[in-house]
């Protein structure tokens, strides 16, 4: 058994310039923990694989395609491959989101 605490993982340098920590990285899937402080956001991008977002803490605003909504804790949002998506923290508290890509992408996301 492998147990991983997100706090023990080093922050990964990404173009988004936010706290991203890789938790799981296998050929079938990839999972990262994202911590967004109030006012932080990702850059809108398109991923070549399906993605889902699970809100662990806070109420981030999640964009998938032309839809954007504030998502409560313990909710899951699906984003199909090849569609624009983005995470925003417009709230006054931090937001923590588990992001899972399946399968693991063979190329990086396209930033917009």
PDB file of N, CA and C in Angstrom:
ATOM      1  N   UNK A   1       0.842  -1.179   0.000  1.00  0.00           N
ATOM      2  CA  UNK A   1       0.000   0.000   0.000  1.00  0.00           C
ATOM      3  C   UNK A   1       0.886   1.240   0.000  1.00  0.00           C
ATOM      4  N   UNK A   2       0.491   2.218  -0.788  1.00  0.00           N
ATOM      5  CA  UNK A   2       1.197   3.500  -0.828  1.00  0.00           C
ATOM      6  C   UNK A   2       0.233   4.573  -0.346  1.00  0.00           C
ATOM      7  N   UNK A   3       0.627   5.296   0.685  1.00  0.00           N
ATOM      8  CA  UNK A   3      -0.187   6.394   1.221  1.00  0.00           C
ATOM      9  C   UNK A   3       0.572   7.687   0.977  1.00  0.00           C
ATOM     10  N   UNK A   4      -0.084   8.650   0.346  1.00  0.00           N
ATOM     11  CA  UNK A   4       0.551   9.919   0.000  1.00  0.00           C
ATOM     12  C   UNK A   4      -0.229  11.065   0.615  1.00  0.00           C
ATOM     13  N   UNK A   5       0.462  11.924   1.356  1.00  0.00           N
ATOM     14  CA  UNK A   5      -0.144  13.143   1.897  1.00  0.00           C
ATOM     15  C   UNK A   5       0.276  14.303   1.006  1.00  0.00           C
ATOM     16  N   UNK A   6      -0.686  15.043   0.492  1.00  0.00           N
ATOM     17  CA  UNK A   6      -0.373  16.134  -0.445  1.00  0.00           C
ATOM     18  C   UNK A   6       0.606  17.134   0.142  1.00  0.00           C
ATOM     19  N   UNK A   7       0.579  17.327   1.461  1.00  0.00           N
ATOM     20  CA  UNK A   7       1.468  18.305   2.100  1.00  0.00           C
ATOM     21  C   UNK A   7       2.932  17.875   2.046  1.00  0.00           C
ATOM     22  N   UNK A   8       3.172  16.575   1.832  1.00  0.00           N
ATOM     23  CA  UNK A   8       4.540  16.058   1.771  1.00  0.00           C
ATOM     24  C   UNK A   8       5.141  16.118   0.364  1.00  0.00           C
ATOM     25  N   UNK A   9       4.352  16.504  -0.614  1.00  0.00           N
ATOM     26  CA  UNK A   9       4.795  16.560  -2.009  1.00  0.00           C
ATOM     27  C   UNK A   9       5.272  17.973  -2.333  1.00  0.00           C
ATOM     28  N   UNK A  10       6.366  18.070  -3.045  1.00  0.00           N
ATOM     29  CA  UNK A  10       6.901  19.374  -3.452  1.00  0.00           C
ATOM     30  C   UNK A  10       6.006  19.999  -4.521  1.00  0.00           C
ATOM     31  N   UNK A  11       5.837  21.308  -4.448  1.00  0.00           N
ATOM     32  CA  UNK A  11       5.050  22.042  -5.439  1.00  0.00           C
ATOM     33  C   UNK A  11       5.731  21.932  -6.796  1.00  0.00           C
ATOM     34  N   UNK A  12       4.945  21.625  -7.825  1.00  0.00           N
ATOM     35  CA  UNK A  12       5.460  21.497  -9.188  1.00  0.00           C
ATOM     36  C   UNK A  12       5.393  22.858  -9.878  1.00  0.00           C
ATOM     37  N   UNK A  13       6.452  23.207 -10.556  1.00  0.00           N
ATOM     38  CA  UNK A  13       6.485  24.460 -11.328  1.00  0.00           C
ATOM     39  C   UNK A  13       5.634  24.263 -12.581  1.00  0.00           C
ATOM     40  N   UNK A  14       4.636  25.119 -12.750  1.00  0.00           N
ATOM     41  CA  UNK A  14       3.762  25.053 -13.932  1.00  0.00           C
ATOM     42  C   UNK A  14       3.550  26.462 -14.476  1.00  0.00           C
ATOM     43  N   UNK A  15       3.053  26.583 -15.694  1.00  0.00           N
ATOM     44  CA  UNK A  15       2.758  27.914 -16.246  1.00  0.00           C
ATOM     45  C   UNK A  15       1.652  28.637 -15.476  1.00  0.00           C
ATOM     46  N   UNK A  16       0.891  27.893 -14.673  1.00  0.00           N
ATOM     47  CA  UNK A  16      -0.220  28.497 -13.929  1.00  0.00           C
ATOM     48  C   UNK A  16       0.241  29.295 -12.711  1.00  0.00           C
ATOM     49  N   UNK A  17       1.445  29.013 -12.224  1.00  0.00           N
ATOM     50  CA  UNK A  17       2.029  29.735 -11.084  1.00  0.00           C
ATOM     51  C   UNK A  17       1.165  29.639  -9.823  1.00  0.00           C
ATOM     52  N   UNK A  18       0.585  28.443  -9.587  1.00  0.00           N
ATOM     53  CA  UNK A  18      -0.168  28.176  -8.366  1.00  0.00           C
ATOM     54  C   UNK A  18       0.371  26.883  -7.755  1.00  0.00           C
ATOM     55  N   UNK A  19      -0.123  26.532  -6.577  1.00  0.00           N
ATOM     56  CA  UNK A  19       0.318  25.352  -5.839  1.00  0.00           C
ATOM     57  C   UNK A  19      -0.283  24.089  -6.472  1.00  0.00           C
ATOM     58  N   UNK A  20       0.526  23.386  -7.264  1.00  0.00           N
ATOM     59  CA  UNK A  20       0.129  22.131  -7.907  1.00  0.00           C
ATOM     60  C   UNK A  20       1.075  21.044  -7.415  1.00  0.00           C
ATOM     61  N   UNK A  21       0.508  19.952  -6.887  1.00  0.00           N
ATOM     62  CA  UNK A  21       1.337  18.859  -6.356  1.00  0.00           C
ATOM     63  C   UNK A  21       0.901  17.529  -6.971  1.00  0.00           C
ATOM     64  N   UNK A  22       1.801  16.876  -7.703  1.00  0.00           N
ATOM     65  CA  UNK A  22       1.451  15.586  -8.308  1.00  0.00           C
ATOM     66  C   UNK A  22       1.293  14.501  -7.243  1.00  0.00           C
ATOM     67  N   UNK A  23       0.159  13.802  -7.272  1.00  0.00           N
ATOM     68  CA  UNK A  23      -0.126  12.751  -6.295  1.00  0.00           C
ATOM     69  C   UNK A  23       0.005  11.349  -6.878  1.00  0.00           C
ATOM     70  N   UNK A  24      -0.324  11.218  -8.156  1.00  0.00           N
ATOM     71  CA  UNK A  24      -0.389   9.898  -8.786  1.00  0.00           C
ATOM     72  C   UNK A  24      -0.034  10.072 -10.254  1.00  0.00           C
ATOM     73  N   UNK A  25       0.831   9.201 -10.758  1.00  0.00           N
ATOM     74  CA  UNK A  25       1.274   9.340 -12.146  1.00  0.00           C
ATOM     75  C   UNK A  25       1.551   7.958 -12.736  1.00  0.00           C
ATOM     76  N   UNK A  26       0.538   7.392 -13.366  1.00  0.00           N
ATOM     77  CA  UNK A  26       0.623   6.069 -13.994  1.00  0.00           C
ATOM     78  C   UNK A  26       0.097   6.182 -15.422  1.00  0.00           C
ATOM     79  N   UNK A  27       0.361   5.200 -16.281  1.00  0.00           N
ATOM     80  CA  UNK A  27      -0.115   5.276 -17.667  1.00  0.00           C
ATOM     81  C   UNK A  27      -1.640   5.424 -17.799  1.00  0.00           C
ATOM     82  N   UNK A  28      -2.388   4.853 -16.859  1.00  0.00           N
ATOM     83  CA  UNK A  28      -3.846   4.895 -16.961  1.00  0.00           C
ATOM     84  C   UNK A  28      -4.482   6.164 -16.400  1.00  0.00           C
ATOM     85  N   UNK A  29      -3.762   6.895 -15.566  1.00  0.00           N
ATOM     86  CA  UNK A  29      -4.340   8.097 -14.950  1.00  0.00           C
ATOM     87  C   UNK A  29      -3.250   8.949 -14.317  1.00  0.00           C
ATOM     88  N   UNK A  30      -3.607  10.194 -14.103  1.00  0.00           N
ATOM     89  CA  UNK A  30      -2.710  11.151 -13.454  1.00  0.00           C
ATOM     90  C   UNK A  30      -3.570  11.991 -12.511  1.00  0.00           C
ATOM     91  N   UNK A  31      -3.104  12.200 -11.278  1.00  0.00           N
ATOM     92  CA  UNK A  31      -3.860  12.993 -10.309  1.00  0.00           C
ATOM     93  C   UNK A  31      -2.954  14.042  -9.687  1.00  0.00           C
ATOM     94  N   UNK A  32      -3.490  15.258  -9.568  1.00  0.00           N
ATOM     95  CA  UNK A  32      -2.764  16.341  -8.908  1.00  0.00           C
ATOM     96  C   UNK A  32      -3.683  17.028  -7.912  1.00  0.00           C
ATOM     97  N   UNK A  33      -3.070  17.585  -6.888  1.00  0.00           N
ATOM     98  CA  UNK A  33      -3.766  18.392  -5.884  1.00  0.00           C
ATOM     99  C   UNK A  33      -3.460  19.843  -6.204  1.00  0.00           C
ATOM    100  N   UNK A  34      -4.502  20.659  -6.332  1.00  0.00           N
ATOM    101  CA  UNK A  34      -4.311  22.088  -6.590  1.00  0.00           C
ATOM    102  C   UNK A  34      -4.865  22.875  -5.417  1.00  0.00           C
ATOM    103  N   UNK A  35      -4.048  23.780  -4.902  1.00  0.00           N
ATOM    104  CA  UNK A  35      -4.453  24.695  -3.835  1.00  0.00           C
ATOM    105  C   UNK A  35      -4.494  26.093  -4.430  1.00  0.00           C
ATOM    106  N   UNK A  36      -5.684  26.683  -4.443  1.00  0.00           N
ATOM    107  CA  UNK A  36      -5.846  28.047  -4.946  1.00  0.00           C
ATOM    108  C   UNK A  36      -6.154  28.977  -3.786  1.00  0.00           C
ATOM    109  N   UNK A  37      -5.320  29.980  -3.612  1.00  0.00           N
ATOM    110  CA  UNK A  37      -5.587  31.008  -2.612  1.00  0.00           C
ATOM    111  C   UNK A  37      -6.646  31.959  -3.179  1.00  0.00           C
ATOM    112  N   UNK A  38      -7.307  32.745  -2.325  1.00  0.00           N
ATOM    113  CA  UNK A  38      -8.299  33.700  -2.825  1.00  0.00           C
ATOM    114  C   UNK A  38      -7.709  34.569  -3.943  1.00  0.00           C
ATOM    115  N   UNK A  39      -8.449  34.673  -5.041  1.00  0.00           N
ATOM    116  CA  UNK A  39      -8.014  35.485  -6.178  1.00  0.00           C
ATOM    117  C   UNK A  39      -7.142  34.761  -7.185  1.00  0.00           C
ATOM    118  N   UNK A  40      -6.649  33.566  -6.862  1.00  0.00           N
ATOM    119  CA  UNK A  40      -5.805  32.829  -7.808  1.00  0.00           C
ATOM    120  C   UNK A  40      -6.661  32.075  -8.819  1.00  0.00           C
ATOM    121  N   UNK A  41      -6.048  31.788  -9.965  1.00  0.00           N
ATOM    122  CA  UNK A  41      -6.733  31.015 -10.996  1.00  0.00           C
ATOM    123  C   UNK A  41      -5.709  30.348 -11.900  1.00  0.00           C
ATOM    124  N   UNK A  42      -6.158  29.330 -12.609  1.00  0.00           N
ATOM    125  CA  UNK A  42      -5.337  28.727 -13.647  1.00  0.00           C
ATOM    126  C   UNK A  42      -5.494  29.546 -14.917  1.00  0.00           C
ATOM    127  N   UNK A  43      -4.637  29.282 -15.877  1.00  0.00           N
ATOM    128  CA  UNK A  43      -4.809  29.854 -17.212  1.00  0.00           C
ATOM    129  C   UNK A  43      -5.785  28.932 -17.959  1.00  0.00           C
ATOM    130  N   UNK A  44      -6.746  29.478 -18.690  1.00  0.00           N
ATOM    131  CA  UNK A  44      -7.638  28.605 -19.459  1.00  0.00           C
ATOM    132  C   UNK A  44      -6.808  27.713 -20.391  1.00  0.00           C
ATOM    133  N   UNK A  45      -7.193  26.451 -20.485  1.00  0.00           N
ATOM    134  CA  UNK A  45      -6.432  25.516 -21.297  1.00  0.00           C
ATOM    135  C   UNK A  45      -7.308  24.369 -21.793  1.00  0.00           C
ATOM    136  N   UNK A  46      -6.755  23.616 -22.734  1.00  0.00           N
ATOM    137  CA  UNK A  46      -7.424  22.453 -23.306  1.00  0.00           C
ATOM    138  C   UNK A  46      -6.521  21.248 -23.082  1.00  0.00           C
ATOM    139  N   UNK A  47      -7.100  20.168 -22.568  1.00  0.00           N
ATOM    140  CA  UNK A  47      -6.360  18.946 -22.266  1.00  0.00           C
ATOM    141  C   UNK A  47      -6.777  17.851 -23.251  1.00  0.00           C
ATOM    142  N   UNK A  48      -5.817  17.057 -23.753  1.00  0.00           N
ATOM    143  CA  UNK A  48      -6.141  16.045 -24.761  1.00  0.00           C
ATOM    144  C   UNK A  48      -6.772  14.763 -24.205  1.00  0.00           C
ATOM    145  N   UNK A  49      -7.135  14.759 -22.920  1.00  0.00           N
ATOM    146  CA  UNK A  49      -7.775  13.596 -22.291  1.00  0.00           C
ATOM    147  C   UNK A  49      -8.920  14.083 -21.404  1.00  0.00           C
ATOM    148  N   UNK A  50      -9.796  13.161 -21.006  1.00  0.00           N
ATOM    149  CA  UNK A  50     -10.868  13.503 -20.071  1.00  0.00           C
ATOM    150  C   UNK A  50     -10.272  13.885 -18.723  1.00  0.00           C
ATOM    151  N   UNK A  51     -10.947  14.815 -18.049  1.00  0.00           N
ATOM    152  CA  UNK A  51     -10.500  15.304 -16.743  1.00  0.00           C
ATOM    153  C   UNK A  51     -11.711  15.365 -15.823  1.00  0.00           C
ATOM    154  N   UNK A  52     -11.491  15.074 -14.524  1.00  0.00           N
ATOM    155  CA  UNK A  52     -12.535  15.434 -13.567  1.00  0.00           C
ATOM    156  C   UNK A  52     -11.915  16.177 -12.405  1.00  0.00           C
ATOM    157  N   UNK A  53     -12.727  17.056 -11.816  1.00  0.00           N
ATOM    158  CA  UNK A  53     -12.318  17.904 -10.706  1.00  0.00           C
ATOM    159  C   UNK A  53     -13.176  17.541  -9.507  1.00  0.00           C
ATOM    160  N   UNK A  54     -12.541  17.228  -8.373  1.00  0.00           N
ATOM    161  CA  UNK A  54     -13.280  16.967  -7.139  1.00  0.00           C
ATOM    162  C   UNK A  54     -12.898  18.044  -6.142  1.00  0.00           C
ATOM    163  N   UNK A  55     -13.887  18.807  -5.682  1.00  0.00           N
ATOM    164  CA  UNK A  55     -13.628  19.908  -4.752  1.00  0.00           C
ATOM    165  C   UNK A  55     -13.517  19.347  -3.338  1.00  0.00           C
ATOM    166  N   UNK A  56     -12.333  19.476  -2.764  1.00  0.00           N
ATOM    167  CA  UNK A  56     -12.056  18.996  -1.415  1.00  0.00           C
ATOM    168  C   UNK A  56     -12.426  20.057  -0.385  1.00  0.00           C
ATOM    169  N   UNK A  57     -12.093  21.302  -0.700  1.00  0.00           N
ATOM    170  CA  UNK A  57     -12.297  22.403   0.253  1.00  0.00           C
ATOM    171  C   UNK A  57     -12.592  23.673  -0.529  1.00  0.00           C
ATOM    172  N   UNK A  58     -13.447  24.518   0.038  1.00  0.00           N
ATOM    173  CA  UNK A  58     -13.746  25.803  -0.577  1.00  0.00           C
ATOM    174  C   UNK A  58     -14.835  25.707  -1.633  1.00  0.00           C
ATOM    175  N   UNK A  59     -14.994  26.803  -2.371  1.00  0.00           N
ATOM    176  CA  UNK A  59     -16.014  26.874  -3.422  1.00  0.00           C
ATOM    177  C   UNK A  59     -15.421  27.522  -4.671  1.00  0.00           C
ATOM    178  N   UNK A  60     -14.553  26.809  -5.367  1.00  0.00           N
ATOM    179  CA  UNK A  60     -13.963  27.382  -6.578  1.00  0.00           C
ATOM    180  C   UNK A  60     -15.008  27.525  -7.681  1.00  0.00           C
ATOM    181  N   UNK A  61     -14.722  28.409  -8.603  1.00  0.00           N
ATOM    182  CA  UNK A  61     -15.527  28.525  -9.813  1.00  0.00           C
ATOM    183  C   UNK A  61     -14.825  27.704 -10.886  1.00  0.00           C
ATOM    184  N   UNK A  62     -15.574  26.816 -11.515  1.00  0.00           N
ATOM    185  CA  UNK A  62     -14.999  25.929 -12.526  1.00  0.00           C
ATOM    186  C   UNK A  62     -15.670  26.205 -13.864  1.00  0.00           C
ATOM    187  N   UNK A  63     -14.826  26.369 -14.877  1.00  0.00           N
ATOM    188  CA  UNK A  63     -15.301  26.577 -16.242  1.00  0.00           C
ATOM    189  C   UNK A  63     -15.036  25.317 -17.054  1.00  0.00           C
ATOM    190  N   UNK A  64     -16.055  24.847 -17.766  1.00  0.00           N
ATOM    191  CA  UNK A  64     -15.922  23.760 -18.732  1.00  0.00           C
ATOM    192  C   UNK A  64     -16.677  24.211 -19.980  1.00  0.00           C
ATOM    193  N   UNK A  65     -15.954  24.396 -21.069  1.00  0.00           N
ATOM    194  CA  UNK A  65     -16.572  24.923 -22.283  1.00  0.00           C
ATOM    195  C   UNK A  65     -17.078  26.330 -22.032  1.00  0.00           C
ATOM    196  N   UNK A  66     -18.332  26.589 -22.384  1.00  0.00           N
ATOM    197  CA  UNK A  66     -18.900  27.921 -22.164  1.00  0.00           C
ATOM    198  C   UNK A  66     -19.713  27.999 -20.876  1.00  0.00           C
ATOM    199  N   UNK A  67     -19.636  26.954 -20.043  1.00  0.00           N
ATOM    200  CA  UNK A  67     -20.339  26.955 -18.759  1.00  0.00           C
ATOM    201  C   UNK A  67     -19.364  27.247 -17.633  1.00  0.00           C
ATOM    202  N   UNK A  68     -19.812  28.070 -16.679  1.00  0.00           N
ATOM    203  CA  UNK A  68     -18.994  28.418 -15.527  1.00  0.00           C
ATOM    204  C   UNK A  68     -19.908  28.449 -14.308  1.00  0.00           C
ATOM    205  N   UNK A  69     -19.487  27.763 -13.226  1.00  0.00           N
ATOM    206  CA  UNK A  69     -20.307  27.746 -12.026  1.00  0.00           C
ATOM    207  C   UNK A  69     -19.442  27.617 -10.783  1.00  0.00           C
ATOM    208  N   UNK A  70     -19.937  28.163  -9.674  1.00  0.00           N
ATOM    209  CA  UNK A  70     -19.291  27.983  -8.376  1.00  0.00           C
ATOM    210  C   UNK A  70     -19.656  26.585  -7.894  1.00  0.00           C
ATOM    211  N   UNK A  71     -18.647  25.821  -7.500  1.00  0.00           N
ATOM    212  CA  UNK A  71     -18.854  24.414  -7.158  1.00  0.00           C
ATOM    213  C   UNK A  71     -18.620  24.218  -5.659  1.00  0.00           C
ATOM    214  N   UNK A  72     -19.566  23.570  -4.954  1.00  0.00           N
ATOM    215  CA  UNK A  72     -19.415  23.370  -3.513  1.00  0.00           C
ATOM    216  C   UNK A  72     -18.452  22.231  -3.185  1.00  0.00           C
ATOM    217  N   UNK A  73     -18.052  22.181  -1.926  1.00  0.00           N
ATOM    218  CA  UNK A  73     -17.211  21.085  -1.440  1.00  0.00           C
ATOM    219  C   UNK A  73     -17.900  19.750  -1.691  1.00  0.00           C
ATOM    220  N   UNK A  74     -17.093  18.729  -1.910  1.00  0.00           N
ATOM    221  CA  UNK A  74     -17.544  17.352  -2.100  1.00  0.00           C
ATOM    222  C   UNK A  74     -18.331  17.141  -3.389  1.00  0.00           C
ATOM    223  N   UNK A  75     -18.140  18.031  -4.362  1.00  0.00           N
ATOM    224  CA  UNK A  75     -18.798  17.880  -5.662  1.00  0.00           C
ATOM    225  C   UNK A  75     -17.751  17.551  -6.722  1.00  0.00           C
ATOM    226  N   UNK A  76     -18.188  16.821  -7.743  1.00  0.00           N
ATOM    227  CA  UNK A  76     -17.317  16.414  -8.836  1.00  0.00           C
ATOM    228  C   UNK A  76     -17.819  17.039 -10.134  1.00  0.00           C
ATOM    229  N   UNK A  77     -16.881  17.549 -10.925  1.00  0.00           N
ATOM    230  CA  UNK A  77     -17.195  18.151 -12.222  1.00  0.00           C
ATOM    231  C   UNK A  77     -16.419  17.393 -13.297  1.00  0.00           C
ATOM    232  N   UNK A  78     -17.108  16.986 -14.344  1.00  0.00           N
ATOM    233  CA  UNK A  78     -16.474  16.288 -15.461  1.00  0.00           C
ATOM    234  C   UNK A  78     -16.164  17.263 -16.588  1.00  0.00           C
ATOM    235  N   UNK A  79     -15.016  17.075 -17.220  1.00  0.00           N
ATOM    236  CA  UNK A  79     -14.629  17.878 -18.379  1.00  0.00           C
ATOM    237  C   UNK A  79     -14.134  16.936 -19.471  1.00  0.00           C
ATOM    238  N   UNK A  80     -14.855  16.854 -20.591  1.00  0.00           N
ATOM    239  CA  UNK A  80     -14.401  15.976 -21.668  1.00  0.00           C
ATOM    240  C   UNK A  80     -13.120  16.481 -22.317  1.00  0.00           C
ATOM    241  N   UNK A  81     -12.419  15.585 -22.966  1.00  0.00           N
ATOM    242  CA  UNK A  81     -11.169  15.962 -23.632  1.00  0.00           C
ATOM    243  C   UNK A  81     -11.426  17.004 -24.718  1.00  0.00           C
ATOM    244  N   UNK A  82     -10.373  17.745 -25.019  1.00  0.00           N
ATOM    245  CA  UNK A  82     -10.371  18.715 -26.119  1.00  0.00           C
ATOM    246  C   UNK A  82     -11.385  19.844 -25.962  1.00  0.00           C
ATOM    247  N   UNK A  83     -11.692  20.227 -24.720  1.00  0.00           N
ATOM    248  CA  UNK A  83     -12.593  21.349 -24.475  1.00  0.00           C
ATOM    249  C   UNK A  83     -11.925  22.280 -23.459  1.00  0.00           C
ATOM    250  N   UNK A  84     -12.133  23.572 -23.609  1.00  0.00           N
ATOM    251  CA  UNK A  84     -11.519  24.528 -22.694  1.00  0.00           C
ATOM    252  C   UNK A  84     -12.051  24.314 -21.276  1.00  0.00           C
ATOM    253  N   UNK A  85     -11.141  24.407 -20.314  1.00  0.00           N
ATOM    254  CA  UNK A  85     -11.559  24.380 -18.912  1.00  0.00           C
ATOM    255  C   UNK A  85     -10.594  25.222 -18.085  1.00  0.00           C
ATOM    256  N   UNK A  86     -11.073  25.619 -16.897  1.00  0.00           N
ATOM    257  CA  UNK A  86     -10.269  26.487 -16.039  1.00  0.00           C
ATOM    258  C   UNK A  86     -10.811  26.447 -14.618  1.00  0.00           C
ATOM    259  N   UNK A  87      -9.933  26.694 -13.649  1.00  0.00           N
ATOM    260  CA  UNK A  87     -10.300  26.787 -12.236  1.00  0.00           C
ATOM    261  C   UNK A  87     -10.005  28.197 -11.752  1.00  0.00           C
ATOM    262  N   UNK A  88     -10.957  28.778 -11.017  1.00  0.00           N
ATOM    263  CA  UNK A  88     -10.817  30.120 -10.453  1.00  0.00           C
ATOM    264  C   UNK A  88     -11.183  30.062  -8.978  1.00  0.00           C
ATOM    265  N   UNK A  89     -10.519  30.857  -8.161  1.00  0.00           N
ATOM    266  CA  UNK A  89     -10.962  31.001  -6.776  1.00  0.00           C
ATOM    267  C   UNK A  89     -11.379  32.449  -6.568  1.00  0.00           C
ATOM    268  N   UNK A  90     -12.659  32.704  -6.748  1.00  0.00           N
ATOM    269  CA  UNK A  90     -13.209  34.049  -6.579  1.00  0.00           C
ATOM    270  C   UNK A  90     -13.693  34.276  -5.154  1.00  0.00           C
ATOM    271  N   UNK A  91     -13.514  33.277  -4.295  1.00  0.00           N
ATOM    272  CA  UNK A  91     -14.003  33.362  -2.915  1.00  0.00           C
ATOM    273  C   UNK A  91     -12.957  33.992  -1.996  1.00  0.00           C
ATOM    274  N   UNK A  92     -13.305  34.087  -0.735  1.00  0.00           N
ATOM    275  CA  UNK A  92     -12.418  34.691   0.266  1.00  0.00           C
ATOM    276  C   UNK A  92     -11.629  33.644   1.052  1.00  0.00           C
ATOM    277  N   UNK A  93     -11.832  32.350   0.754  1.00  0.00           N
ATOM    278  CA  UNK A  93     -11.077  31.296   1.427  1.00  0.00           C
ATOM    279  C   UNK A  93     -10.358  30.424   0.397  1.00  0.00           C
ATOM    280  N   UNK A  94      -9.365  29.708   0.876  1.00  0.00           N
ATOM    281  CA  UNK A  94      -8.617  28.851  -0.039  1.00  0.00           C
ATOM    282  C   UNK A  94      -9.521  27.750  -0.591  1.00  0.00           C
ATOM    283  N   UNK A  95      -9.144  27.247  -1.753  1.00  0.00           N
ATOM    284  CA  UNK A  95      -9.869  26.143  -2.382  1.00  0.00           C
ATOM    285  C   UNK A  95      -8.865  25.044  -2.712  1.00  0.00           C
ATOM    286  N   UNK A  96      -9.268  23.804  -2.438  1.00  0.00           N
ATOM    287  CA  UNK A  96      -8.421  22.653  -2.758  1.00  0.00           C
ATOM    288  C   UNK A  96      -9.202  21.732  -3.688  1.00  0.00           C
ATOM    289  N   UNK A  97      -8.564  21.376  -4.792  1.00  0.00           N
ATOM    290  CA  UNK A  97      -9.223  20.583  -5.819  1.00  0.00           C
ATOM    291  C   UNK A  97      -8.330  19.409  -6.209  1.00  0.00           C
ATOM    292  N   UNK A  98      -8.916  18.217  -6.267  1.00  0.00           N
ATOM    293  CA  UNK A  98      -8.241  17.048  -6.811  1.00  0.00           C
ATOM    294  C   UNK A  98      -8.573  17.005  -8.298  1.00  0.00           C
ATOM    295  N   UNK A  99      -7.544  16.973  -9.132  1.00  0.00           N
ATOM    296  CA  UNK A  99      -7.725  16.932 -10.586  1.00  0.00           C
ATOM    297  C   UNK A  99      -7.201  15.590 -11.083  1.00  0.00           C
ATOM    298  N   UNK A 100      -8.053  14.848 -11.787  1.00  0.00           N
ATOM    299  CA  UNK A 100      -7.664  13.539 -12.307  1.00  0.00           C
ATOM    300  C   UNK A 100      -7.828  13.539 -13.824  1.00  0.00           C
ATOM    301  N   UNK A 101      -6.762  13.150 -14.513  1.00  0.00           N
ATOM    302  CA  UNK A 101      -6.763  13.028 -15.978  1.00  0.00           C
ATOM    303  C   UNK A 101      -6.684  11.544 -16.316  1.00  0.00           C
ATOM    304  N   UNK A 102      -7.554  11.126 -17.230  1.00  0.00           N
ATOM    305  CA  UNK A 102      -7.550   9.723 -17.607  1.00  0.00           C
ATOM    306  C   UNK A 102      -7.819   9.558 -19.098  1.00  0.00           C
ATOM    307  N   UNK A 103      -6.964   8.809 -19.785  1.00  0.00           N
ATOM    308  CA  UNK A 103      -5.687   8.271 -19.310  1.00  0.00           C
ATOM    309  C   UNK A 103      -4.664   9.392 -19.155  1.00  0.00           C
ATOM    310  N   UNK A 104      -3.482   9.039 -18.687  1.00  0.00           N
ATOM    311  CA  UNK A 104      -2.414  10.031 -18.586  1.00  0.00           C
ATOM    312  C   UNK A 104      -2.167  10.619 -19.975  1.00  0.00           C
ATOM    313  N   UNK A 105      -2.139  11.957 -20.087  1.00  0.00           N
ATOM    314  CA  UNK A 105      -1.915  12.558 -21.408  1.00  0.00           C
ATOM    315  C   UNK A 105      -0.513  12.273 -21.942  1.00  0.00           C
ATOM    316  N   UNK A 106      -0.425  12.105 -23.262  1.00  0.00           N
ATOM    317  CA  UNK A 106       0.881  11.885 -23.890  1.00  0.00           C
ATOM    318  C   UNK A 106       1.514  13.190 -24.361  1.00  0.00           C
ATOM    319  N   UNK A 107       0.789  14.299 -24.144  1.00  0.00           N
ATOM    320  CA  UNK A 107       1.325  15.627 -24.450  1.00  0.00           C
ATOM    321  C   UNK A 107       0.692  16.615 -23.482  1.00  0.00           C
ATOM    322  N   UNK A 108       1.306  17.779 -23.359  1.00  0.00           N
ATOM    323  CA  UNK A 108       0.832  18.782 -22.422  1.00  0.00           C
ATOM    324  C   UNK A 108      -0.451  19.458 -22.866  1.00  0.00           C
ATOM    325  N   UNK A 109      -1.052  20.167 -21.921  1.00  0.00           N
ATOM    326  CA  UNK A 109      -2.252  20.946 -22.215  1.00  0.00           C
ATOM    327  C   UNK A 109      -1.883  22.125 -23.109  1.00  0.00           C
ATOM    328  N   UNK A 110      -2.859  22.602 -23.858  1.00  0.00           N
ATOM    329  CA  UNK A 110      -2.657  23.775 -24.712  1.00  0.00           C
ATOM    330  C   UNK A 110      -3.228  24.983 -23.988  1.00  0.00           C
ATOM    331  N   UNK A 111      -2.337  25.902 -23.578  1.00  0.00           N
ATOM    332  CA  UNK A 111      -2.769  27.119 -22.891  1.00  0.00           C
ATOM    333  C   UNK A 111      -3.392  28.082 -23.888  1.00  0.00           C
ATOM    334  N   UNK A 112      -4.420  28.778 -23.441  1.00  0.00           N
ATOM    335  CA  UNK A 112      -5.096  29.747 -24.307  1.00  0.00           C
ATOM    336  C   UNK A 112      -4.817  31.163 -23.854  1.00  0.00           C
TER     337      UNK A 112
END
